[in-house]
Protein backbone atom coordinates (compact mmCIF):
# COMPACT_ATOMS: atom_id res chain seq x y z
CA MET A 1 6.94 -5.24 -23.65
CA THR A 2 7.72 -2.09 -25.56
CA PHE A 3 6.19 -1.21 -28.90
CA PHE A 4 7.58 1.77 -30.69
CA LEU A 5 8.77 3.03 -34.01
CA VAL A 6 12.19 4.61 -34.19
CA GLY A 7 13.55 6.70 -36.97
CA LYS A 8 15.77 9.66 -37.66
CA LYS A 9 13.05 11.58 -39.44
CA ASP A 10 9.29 11.40 -39.38
CA SER A 11 9.40 10.93 -43.14
CA ASP A 12 11.43 7.71 -42.77
CA VAL A 13 8.46 5.67 -41.58
CA HIS A 14 4.85 6.13 -42.61
CA ILE A 15 2.29 4.44 -40.44
CA THR A 16 -1.13 3.90 -41.89
CA TYR A 17 -4.26 3.48 -39.84
CA GLU A 18 -4.21 -0.25 -40.66
CA ASP A 19 -0.59 -0.49 -39.47
CA GLN A 20 -1.49 1.16 -36.17
CA GLN A 21 -4.42 -1.25 -35.79
CA LYS A 22 -2.05 -4.20 -36.31
CA ILE A 23 0.39 -2.82 -33.72
CA ASN A 24 -2.47 -2.29 -31.26
CA LYS A 25 -3.77 -5.80 -31.88
CA PHE A 26 -0.29 -7.20 -31.23
CA ALA A 27 -0.15 -5.23 -27.96
CA ARG A 28 -3.55 -6.60 -26.87
CA HIS A 29 -2.42 -10.15 -27.66
CA ASN A 30 0.75 -9.58 -25.69
CA ALA A 31 -1.19 -8.31 -22.67
CA LYS A 32 -3.50 -11.32 -22.86
CA LEU A 33 -0.49 -13.65 -23.09
CA GLU A 34 1.01 -12.09 -19.96
CA ASP A 35 -2.31 -12.57 -18.14
CA PHE A 36 -2.41 -16.23 -19.21
CA LYS A 37 1.19 -16.72 -18.07
CA ASP A 38 0.37 -15.23 -14.65
CA GLU A 39 -2.70 -17.44 -14.33
CA LEU A 40 -0.63 -20.45 -15.40
CA LYS A 41 1.88 -19.75 -12.65
CA VAL A 42 -0.95 -19.63 -10.07
CA LYS A 43 -2.44 -22.91 -11.34
CA LYS A 44 0.94 -24.68 -11.26
CA ASN A 45 1.39 -23.48 -7.69
CA GLU A 46 -2.08 -24.78 -6.83
CA LEU A 47 -1.23 -28.17 -8.36
CA THR A 48 2.00 -28.36 -6.35
CA ASN A 49 0.06 -27.64 -3.15
CA LEU A 50 -2.51 -30.33 -3.97
CA GLU A 51 0.23 -32.87 -4.71
CA GLU A 52 1.99 -32.07 -1.43
CA ALA A 53 -1.30 -32.44 0.47
CA SER A 54 -1.84 -35.83 -1.20
CA GLU A 55 1.63 -36.98 -0.18
CA GLU A 56 1.01 -35.90 3.42
CA LEU A 57 -2.29 -37.81 3.49
CA GLU A 58 -0.52 -40.99 2.42
CA LEU A 59 1.46 -40.85 5.65
CA MET A 60 -1.65 -40.69 7.83
CA ASP A 61 -3.37 -43.62 9.46
CA GLU A 62 -6.64 -44.27 7.63
CA GLU A 63 -8.55 -44.91 10.84
CA SER A 64 -6.96 -42.25 13.00
CA GLU A 65 -8.88 -39.02 12.59
CA LYS A 66 -10.96 -36.74 10.45
CA ILE A 67 -9.15 -34.45 8.02
CA PRO A 68 -10.15 -30.78 7.65
CA TYR A 69 -10.71 -30.10 3.93
CA PHE A 70 -11.24 -26.51 2.84
CA LEU A 71 -14.32 -26.38 0.64
CA GLY A 72 -15.51 -22.99 -0.54
CA GLU A 73 -15.45 -20.85 2.58
CA ILE A 74 -15.53 -23.56 5.26
CA PHE A 75 -13.60 -26.57 6.46
CA VAL A 76 -15.33 -29.92 6.15
CA TYR A 77 -14.05 -32.76 8.35
CA GLN A 78 -13.97 -36.08 6.54
CA ASP A 79 -12.11 -39.36 6.51
CA VAL A 80 -8.75 -39.85 4.76
CA GLU A 81 -10.21 -41.85 1.86
CA THR A 82 -12.80 -39.20 0.98
CA THR A 83 -10.20 -36.45 1.27
CA GLN A 84 -7.81 -38.34 -1.03
CA LYS A 85 -10.60 -38.75 -3.56
CA MET A 86 -11.42 -35.03 -3.46
CA LEU A 87 -7.74 -34.14 -3.82
CA GLU A 88 -7.43 -36.39 -6.88
CA GLU A 89 -10.49 -34.74 -8.45
CA ALA A 90 -9.05 -31.29 -7.71
CA LYS A 91 -5.68 -32.28 -9.21
CA THR A 92 -7.40 -33.55 -12.36
CA ARG A 93 -9.37 -30.31 -12.67
CA VAL A 94 -6.26 -28.14 -12.19
CA ARG A 95 -4.24 -30.22 -14.69
CA THR A 96 -7.00 -29.68 -17.26
CA GLU A 97 -6.98 -25.94 -16.56
CA ILE A 98 -3.17 -25.87 -16.92
CA SER A 99 -3.39 -27.74 -20.21
CA ASP A 100 -6.04 -25.31 -21.51
CA LEU A 101 -3.95 -22.29 -20.49
CA GLU A 102 -0.84 -23.74 -22.14
CA THR A 103 -2.83 -24.29 -25.34
CA LYS A 104 -4.10 -20.70 -25.26
CA CYS A 105 -0.54 -19.41 -24.68
CA ASN A 106 0.80 -21.44 -27.59
CA GLU A 107 -1.98 -20.23 -29.88
CA LEU A 108 -1.31 -16.60 -28.95
CA ARG A 109 2.43 -17.04 -29.42
CA SER A 110 1.81 -18.46 -32.88
CA ILE A 111 -0.46 -15.56 -33.84
CA MET A 112 2.03 -13.05 -32.44
CA THR A 113 4.91 -14.65 -34.35
CA ASP A 114 2.98 -14.24 -37.60
CA MET A 115 2.15 -10.65 -36.70
CA LYS A 116 5.79 -9.92 -35.86
CA LEU A 117 6.89 -11.22 -39.24
CA LEU A 118 4.46 -8.90 -41.02
CA LEU A 119 5.31 -5.87 -38.92
CA TYR A 120 9.08 -6.39 -39.08
CA ALA A 121 8.80 -6.95 -42.84
CA LYS A 122 7.15 -3.55 -43.21
CA PHE A 123 9.02 -1.52 -40.58
CA GLY A 124 12.34 -3.37 -40.28
CA ASN A 125 14.47 -2.08 -37.44
CA HIS A 126 12.15 0.93 -36.98
CA ILE A 127 9.90 -1.11 -34.70
CA ASN A 128 10.61 -3.07 -31.54
CA LEU A 129 8.19 -5.85 -30.61
CA GLU A 130 10.52 -7.79 -28.32
CA ALA A 131 9.90 -8.24 -24.60
CA ASP A 132 11.85 -6.06 -22.21
CA GLU A 133 14.25 -8.00 -20.03
CA ASP A 134 13.48 -7.50 -16.33
């Protein structure tokens, strides 16, 4: 995201200390939003992996063998039923984390929209607060 003031002359746009603080605050919110979006992507990936593991477990014979389940830094071998239960708990936890992150993203977007309105009202087309297209 690029934040800058453009103008033909320095006298066209006067930036007060308070204005600069608002622009900086917007930039911090934007950086935080990007961090949340990255974390959200990781959590959604984690949920997909947990769901795929659950589906694979459904195909296994309940009596056949012990399942290696990665817990912390080690693998624990347990029966299918216990593993399914742990996967469901992990999926519930990750869904909650995803929901919390989405709420935080929405809150930040709302704050940033309000800030954009104020900054664009003051600086018009002399400021760019839009995300760069990659």
